[in-house]
Amino acid sequence: MIGFNGVKTRMAEFKLEEGAILPRHTHPHEQTDSLVSGRIDLTIGDVTHQAVPGDSWCIPGDVEHNAVAHENYVTVDVFSPVREEYLP
């Protein structure tokens, strides 16, 4: 995972292949994403969105979310505070 850190944020490139499922999960971090390429169904809380390149979203901390990749996809994700488990 390619990424960069600020004092209070972590920006990372995230990739999944077509057919991959990012399981429903939560974390305390606020997560702001932008879809660079691909197509996904993204569920935030109880609402599912179909995202295409250029779409962006924000997931508040502790809100359940998941994604299903309909094509290979790339997002740029920003987490606040820094996700320690994503540090090199």
Protein backbone atom coordinates (compact mmCIF):
# COMPACT_ATOMS: atom_id res chain seq x y z
CA MET A 1 0.00 0.00 0.00
CA ILE A 2 1.49 3.32 -1.09
CA GLY A 3 0.87 6.04 1.47
CA PHE A 4 1.95 9.30 3.04
CA ASN A 5 1.55 10.62 6.57
CA GLY A 6 0.76 13.99 8.01
CA VAL A 7 0.64 14.72 11.71
CA LYS A 8 -3.09 13.92 11.92
CA THR A 9 -3.81 12.10 8.65
CA ARG A 10 -2.75 9.11 6.55
CA MET A 11 -3.30 9.17 2.78
CA ALA A 12 -3.07 5.81 1.02
CA GLU A 13 -3.72 4.27 -2.37
CA PHE A 14 -5.95 1.22 -2.05
CA LYS A 15 -6.53 -1.39 -4.81
CA LEU A 16 -8.94 -4.31 -5.13
CA GLU A 17 -9.54 -6.67 -8.03
CA GLU A 18 -12.84 -7.26 -9.80
CA GLY A 19 -15.09 -9.49 -7.72
CA ALA A 20 -13.33 -8.68 -4.44
CA ILE A 21 -15.44 -7.99 -1.39
CA LEU A 22 -14.25 -5.64 1.31
CA PRO A 23 -16.12 -7.08 4.31
CA ARG A 24 -18.38 -4.96 6.50
CA HIS A 25 -16.25 -3.34 9.20
CA THR A 26 -15.77 -0.29 11.38
CA HIS A 27 -12.81 1.68 12.70
CA PRO A 28 -12.59 4.81 14.82
CA HIS A 29 -10.98 6.79 11.99
CA GLU A 30 -12.85 9.20 9.74
CA GLN A 31 -12.23 8.04 6.15
CA THR A 32 -12.49 10.27 3.08
CA ASP A 33 -12.05 8.54 -0.28
CA SER A 34 -11.97 9.33 -3.98
CA LEU A 35 -12.48 6.62 -6.61
CA VAL A 36 -9.73 6.91 -9.21
CA SER A 37 -10.72 3.97 -11.41
CA GLY A 38 -13.13 1.06 -11.50
CA ARG A 39 -16.70 0.65 -10.31
CA ILE A 40 -17.91 -0.40 -6.86
CA ASP A 41 -20.99 -0.77 -4.73
CA LEU A 42 -20.21 0.99 -1.48
CA THR A 43 -22.42 0.59 1.57
CA ILE A 44 -22.07 3.16 4.34
CA GLY A 45 -24.35 2.39 7.25
CA ASP A 46 -27.55 1.11 5.62
CA VAL A 47 -27.24 3.02 2.33
CA THR A 48 -25.61 1.52 -0.79
CA HIS A 49 -24.10 3.78 -3.46
CA GLN A 50 -22.82 2.85 -6.90
CA ALA A 51 -19.51 4.67 -7.26
CA VAL A 52 -17.68 5.46 -10.49
CA PRO A 53 -14.39 7.29 -11.15
CA GLY A 54 -14.47 10.83 -9.82
CA ASP A 55 -16.91 10.02 -7.00
CA SER A 56 -15.85 10.86 -3.45
CA TRP A 57 -17.32 10.12 -0.02
CA CYS A 58 -16.68 10.48 3.68
CA ILE A 59 -17.26 7.72 6.23
CA PRO A 60 -17.50 8.94 9.83
CA GLY A 61 -15.58 6.99 12.46
CA ASP A 62 -17.32 3.92 13.92
CA VAL A 63 -19.84 3.64 11.03
CA GLU A 64 -20.10 0.19 9.42
CA HIS A 65 -19.18 0.06 5.74
CA ASN A 66 -18.20 -2.38 3.00
CA ALA A 67 -17.56 -2.50 -0.74
CA VAL A 68 -17.98 -4.88 -3.67
CA ALA A 69 -15.70 -4.42 -6.68
CA HIS A 70 -17.44 -4.76 -10.07
CA GLU A 71 -14.16 -3.89 -11.82
CA ASN A 72 -10.55 -3.58 -10.66
CA TYR A 73 -10.53 -0.39 -8.64
CA VAL A 74 -8.20 2.18 -7.12
CA THR A 75 -9.13 4.66 -4.41
CA VAL A 76 -7.18 7.35 -2.64
CA ASP A 77 -8.13 7.16 1.05
CA VAL A 78 -7.45 9.71 3.77
CA PHE A 79 -7.77 8.59 7.40
CA SER A 80 -7.85 10.79 10.46
CA PRO A 81 -6.29 10.17 12.87
CA VAL A 82 -3.41 8.23 11.32
CA ARG A 83 -4.08 4.49 11.05
CA GLU A 84 -1.11 3.03 12.85
CA GLU A 85 -1.61 -0.42 11.24
CA TYR A 86 -1.03 1.16 7.81
CA LEU A 87 2.35 2.64 8.70
CA PRO A 88 5.37 1.16 6.93
